[in-house]
Protein backbone atom coordinates (compact mmCIF):
# COMPACT_ATOMS: atom_id res chain seq x y z
CA MET A 1 16.95 -9.75 -4.91
CA ARG A 2 14.25 -12.53 -4.87
CA GLY A 3 10.77 -12.39 -3.12
CA PRO A 4 7.84 -14.16 -3.33
CA ALA A 5 6.58 -12.48 -6.51
CA ASP A 6 9.52 -14.48 -8.00
CA THR A 7 8.81 -17.84 -6.70
CA ALA A 8 6.79 -20.55 -8.51
CA ALA A 9 3.97 -20.97 -5.75
CA ALA A 10 0.47 -20.70 -6.18
CA ALA A 11 -0.42 -18.29 -3.41
CA HIS A 12 0.78 -15.75 -0.87
CA VAL A 13 -0.21 -15.58 2.90
CA PHE A 14 0.45 -13.57 5.82
CA VAL A 15 1.19 -15.21 9.41
CA GLU A 16 2.45 -14.32 12.74
CA GLY A 17 5.80 -16.74 11.97
CA LEU A 18 7.67 -18.75 9.96
CA ALA A 19 7.72 -22.01 11.78
CA ASP A 20 8.60 -24.99 9.93
CA GLU A 21 5.08 -26.24 10.07
CA LEU A 22 1.93 -23.62 9.67
CA ARG A 23 -1.65 -24.12 9.92
CA ILE A 24 -3.90 -21.92 8.01
CA THR A 25 -7.19 -21.15 9.24
CA GLY A 26 -9.93 -18.72 9.51
CA ALA A 27 -10.53 -16.35 6.40
CA ASP A 28 -6.93 -17.35 4.68
CA GLY A 29 -7.65 -21.13 5.04
CA HIS A 30 -10.76 -20.37 3.75
CA HIS A 31 -9.61 -18.24 0.96
CA LEU A 32 -7.37 -20.44 -0.20
CA GLN A 33 -9.04 -23.71 0.29
CA ARG A 34 -12.26 -22.65 -0.87
CA VAL A 35 -11.84 -19.68 -3.16
CA ARG A 36 -8.20 -20.37 -4.59
CA ARG A 37 -9.16 -24.14 -4.61
CA LEU A 38 -5.74 -24.81 -3.71
CA SER A 39 -4.65 -28.50 -2.52
CA THR A 40 -2.02 -31.22 -1.62
CA GLY A 41 1.17 -31.02 -3.41
CA GLU A 42 0.63 -26.98 -4.07
CA ARG A 43 3.25 -24.41 -3.07
CA VAL A 44 2.63 -20.74 -1.22
CA THR A 45 4.78 -18.41 0.28
CA ALA A 46 4.42 -16.80 3.72
CA ALA A 47 5.51 -13.49 4.97
CA ASP A 48 5.82 -12.08 8.58
CA GLY A 49 4.99 -9.00 7.81
CA SER A 50 8.56 -7.71 8.83
CA GLY A 51 10.25 -8.73 5.64
CA ALA A 52 11.14 -12.42 6.10
CA TRP A 53 9.23 -14.68 3.80
CA ARG A 54 9.18 -18.48 3.36
CA LEU A 55 8.39 -21.28 0.89
CA TYR A 56 6.12 -24.09 1.91
CA GLU A 57 3.97 -27.27 0.21
CA ILE A 58 0.63 -28.09 1.18
CA VAL A 59 0.93 -31.35 2.82
CA ALA A 60 -2.85 -31.88 4.62
CA ALA A 61 -6.23 -29.97 3.85
CA ASP A 62 -9.33 -30.37 5.79
CA ALA A 63 -12.63 -28.71 6.00
CA ALA A 64 -11.06 -26.01 8.69
CA ALA A 65 -7.42 -25.65 7.87
CA LEU A 66 -4.58 -26.28 5.42
CA ARG A 67 -1.37 -27.58 6.99
CA LEU A 68 2.03 -26.08 5.43
CA ALA A 69 5.60 -27.58 5.83
CA ALA A 70 8.67 -25.64 4.57
CA ARG A 71 10.47 -26.48 1.46
CA GLU A 72 13.17 -23.71 1.74
CA PRO A 73 15.05 -21.72 4.84
CA ILE A 74 13.51 -18.23 5.54
CA GLU A 75 14.83 -14.80 3.38
CA TYR A 76 14.45 -11.53 4.24
CA SER A 77 13.91 -8.87 1.76
CA VAL A 78 15.30 -5.29 2.37
CA ALA A 79 12.94 -2.34 2.24
CA PRO A 80 13.56 -0.10 -0.01
CA SER A 81 15.59 3.26 0.91
CA MET A 82 13.25 5.54 -1.12
CA GLY A 83 9.70 4.57 -1.09
CA VAL A 84 6.42 6.59 -2.12
CA ALA A 85 3.54 7.21 0.63
CA LEU A 86 0.50 8.39 -0.18
CA ALA A 87 -2.16 10.98 1.56
CA VAL A 88 -5.18 11.12 -0.18
CA GLY A 89 -8.63 13.09 0.30
CA LEU A 90 -11.54 11.28 1.58
CA THR A 91 -14.02 10.70 -1.41
CA LYS A 92 -18.01 9.62 -0.99
CA ARG A 93 -17.41 6.44 -2.63
CA GLY A 94 -14.74 5.38 -0.33
CA LEU A 95 -10.90 4.66 -0.63
CA GLU A 96 -10.79 0.84 -0.77
CA ASP A 97 -10.05 0.50 -4.68
CA VAL A 98 -8.01 3.12 -4.03
CA VAL A 99 -5.43 1.68 -1.22
CA THR A 100 -5.87 -1.79 -3.51
CA ALA A 101 -4.66 -0.50 -6.44
CA VAL A 102 -1.57 1.69 -4.88
CA THR A 103 -1.01 -1.35 -2.62
CA GLU A 104 0.25 -3.41 -5.43
CA LEU A 105 1.93 -0.57 -6.80
CA GLY A 106 4.52 -0.48 -4.08
CA VAL A 107 2.91 2.65 -1.63
CA THR A 108 4.71 2.09 1.81
CA ALA A 109 1.49 4.20 3.19
CA VAL A 110 -1.72 5.46 2.92
CA THR A 111 -3.09 8.56 5.24
CA PRO A 112 -6.76 9.63 4.17
CA VAL A 113 -7.29 13.34 4.77
CA ARG A 114 -9.82 15.35 5.84
CA SER A 115 -9.80 18.68 3.58
CA GLU A 116 -11.77 21.99 3.50
CA ARG A 117 -13.63 21.07 -0.13
CA THR A 118 -14.39 17.23 1.59
CA VAL A 119 -17.37 16.45 0.92
CA VAL A 120 -17.82 13.38 3.14
CA ARG A 121 -17.20 13.37 7.08
CA TRP A 122 -16.13 10.77 9.50
CA ASP A 123 -16.77 10.81 12.86
CA ALA A 124 -15.29 8.77 15.14
CA ALA A 125 -16.67 5.71 15.25
CA ARG A 126 -16.96 5.83 11.17
CA SER A 127 -13.25 6.93 11.01
CA GLU A 128 -12.67 3.42 13.14
CA ARG A 129 -14.53 1.25 10.90
CA ALA A 130 -13.17 2.83 7.79
CA ILE A 131 -9.64 2.66 9.09
CA ALA A 132 -10.21 -1.60 9.56
CA ARG A 133 -11.72 -1.52 5.74
CA LEU A 134 -8.98 0.14 4.57
CA GLN A 135 -6.10 -2.15 6.64
CA LEU A 136 -8.20 -5.27 5.38
CA ALA A 137 -7.76 -3.83 1.97
CA ALA A 138 -4.36 -3.44 2.14
CA ARG A 139 -3.81 -6.90 3.39
CA GLU A 140 -5.45 -8.64 1.02
CA ALA A 141 -3.57 -6.65 -2.11
CA SER A 142 -0.40 -7.24 -0.26
CA MET A 143 -1.13 -11.12 -0.61
CA GLN A 144 -2.55 -10.63 -4.16
CA ALA A 145 0.95 -8.98 -4.98
CA ARG A 146 3.00 -11.25 -3.10
CA ARG A 147 4.68 -7.92 -1.00
CA VAL A 148 6.46 -8.88 1.86
CA ARG A 149 5.29 -6.04 3.95
CA VAL A 150 1.47 -4.42 4.35
CA PRO A 151 1.19 -0.67 3.63
CA VAL A 152 0.64 1.24 7.10
CA ILE A 153 -2.93 2.68 6.74
CA GLU A 154 -2.66 6.10 9.13
CA PRO A 155 -5.55 7.69 10.67
CA VAL A 156 -7.05 10.26 9.43
CA LEU A 157 -5.27 13.63 9.38
CA ALA A 158 -6.37 17.25 8.23
CA VAL A 159 -4.26 18.43 5.55
CA GLY A 160 -2.51 21.01 7.73
CA GLU A 161 -1.31 18.00 9.96
CA LEU A 162 1.11 17.07 6.90
CA ALA A 163 2.81 19.92 7.28
CA GLY A 164 6.90 19.38 7.57
CA ARG A 165 6.66 15.63 5.85
CA PRO A 166 10.01 15.09 4.45
CA GLY A 167 9.45 14.71 0.83
CA LEU A 168 6.16 16.48 0.80
CA VAL A 169 4.86 16.89 -2.91
CA VAL A 170 1.46 17.96 -4.20
CA ALA A 171 -0.21 16.75 -6.86
CA ASP A 172 -1.33 19.99 -9.25
CA ARG A 173 -1.82 20.83 -12.54
CA VAL A 174 0.89 23.50 -12.51
CA GLY A 175 3.30 21.27 -11.25
CA VAL A 176 6.71 19.76 -12.55
CA ALA A 177 7.30 16.67 -14.03
CA PRO A 178 8.17 14.04 -11.78
CA ALA A 179 11.34 13.40 -13.38
CA GLU A 180 12.20 17.15 -12.48
CA LEU A 181 11.52 16.97 -8.83
CA ALA A 182 14.21 17.23 -6.55
CA VAL A 183 16.09 14.05 -5.10
CA PRO A 184 14.29 13.31 -1.97
CA SER A 185 15.97 11.98 1.48
CA PRO A 186 15.47 8.86 2.85
CA PRO A 187 12.49 7.21 3.13
CA GLY A 188 10.96 8.82 0.12
CA ARG A 189 8.13 10.82 -0.97
CA THR A 190 4.80 11.27 0.52
CA VAL A 191 2.43 12.47 -2.50
CA LEU A 192 -0.70 14.82 -1.03
CA VAL A 193 -4.01 14.03 -3.56
CA GLY A 194 -6.61 16.20 -2.58
CA PRO A 195 -10.28 16.29 -3.10
CA GLU A 196 -12.77 16.50 -6.28
CA GLY A 197 -11.91 20.57 -6.21
CA GLY A 198 -8.33 20.53 -4.98
CA LEU A 199 -6.97 21.92 -1.89
CA SER A 200 -7.81 25.53 -0.67
CA ALA A 201 -5.13 28.26 -1.14
CA ALA A 202 -5.67 28.64 2.79
CA GLU A 203 -4.84 24.36 2.82
CA LEU A 204 -1.51 24.95 0.54
CA ARG A 205 -0.13 27.74 2.38
CA SER A 206 -0.22 25.58 5.23
CA LEU A 207 1.84 22.98 4.13
CA GLU A 208 4.79 25.27 2.93
CA PRO A 209 7.72 24.72 1.79
CA PHE A 210 6.42 21.85 -0.66
CA GLU A 211 7.01 20.67 -4.38
CA ARG A 212 4.25 20.60 -6.79
CA VAL A 213 4.02 17.68 -9.38
CA ALA A 214 2.00 17.19 -12.46
CA LEU A 215 0.00 13.65 -13.19
CA GLY A 216 -0.57 14.40 -16.99
CA PRO A 217 -1.96 17.15 -19.36
CA ASN A 218 -5.74 15.76 -18.46
CA VAL A 219 -7.78 16.21 -15.47
CA LEU A 220 -8.46 13.37 -13.81
CA ARG A 221 -11.02 11.73 -11.49
CA ALA A 222 -10.69 11.67 -7.41
CA GLY A 223 -10.30 7.54 -7.60
CA THR A 224 -7.68 8.08 -10.29
CA ALA A 225 -5.35 10.66 -9.71
CA PRO A 226 -3.95 8.84 -6.59
CA ILE A 227 -3.12 5.46 -8.39
CA ALA A 228 -1.68 7.49 -11.11
CA ALA A 229 0.92 9.82 -8.21
CA VAL A 230 2.18 6.65 -6.85
CA ALA A 231 2.87 4.74 -9.99
CA LEU A 232 4.36 7.73 -11.40
CA LEU A 233 6.47 8.67 -8.40
CA ALA A 234 7.57 5.01 -7.95
CA ASP A 235 8.50 4.91 -11.12
CA ARG A 236 10.92 7.86 -10.66
CA ALA A 237 12.20 6.07 -7.33
CA ARG A 238 13.80 3.05 -8.70
CA VAL A 239 15.41 5.14 -11.00
CA LEU A 240 17.38 7.33 -8.35
CA PRO A 241 20.59 6.59 -7.33
CA ALA A 242 20.80 3.97 -4.38
CA GLU A 243 22.04 5.46 -1.22
């Protein structure tokens, strides 16, 4: 199935609708014209976030906007039946870099998680600002990766609020290799990566039943572990039998 990443285009952008002609303004227009330095005649793919996308050509450019004209019909990419979502402990350095990386790897959703050993604490105002930054990071990374859908950034949850999620698996050094995990039901896995110091025994009990997956023989940093978890489980999802 062909997607924007398989198309000879100079850039990718998200838009509200895939009309025959589009006008790209604001931050996206500035980025494409001033940062990427795109000009008339170059091709751009656009997606509406629902799975639909289309190939366009830049037909005009001025100081305020780019005007695009469609060059191919609208195409549709079906969402995979097996995906990987990430639940990740809050860190002092923030989660923007993690969200960027896992978006490029194909994550379907990211949930920031508050735990007993989390050092950073977000009040309501800080949480709202942080979620907005993560949503922007996910959108920008989706454009870079030529995705047709932007992963969902969920509100901050406590560890126990993840209990009962289908396909929940906790990253743990004593876990099994990804290939040894049971085959999940659609929509796939949610992998939980705790903060530095890990989850407490009480938090783990609150999540039962769940599976544990090992990310390798070494101790990974809080910024590395969630990226490794998504990479390993996304690779595993690609080899699972089709539904």
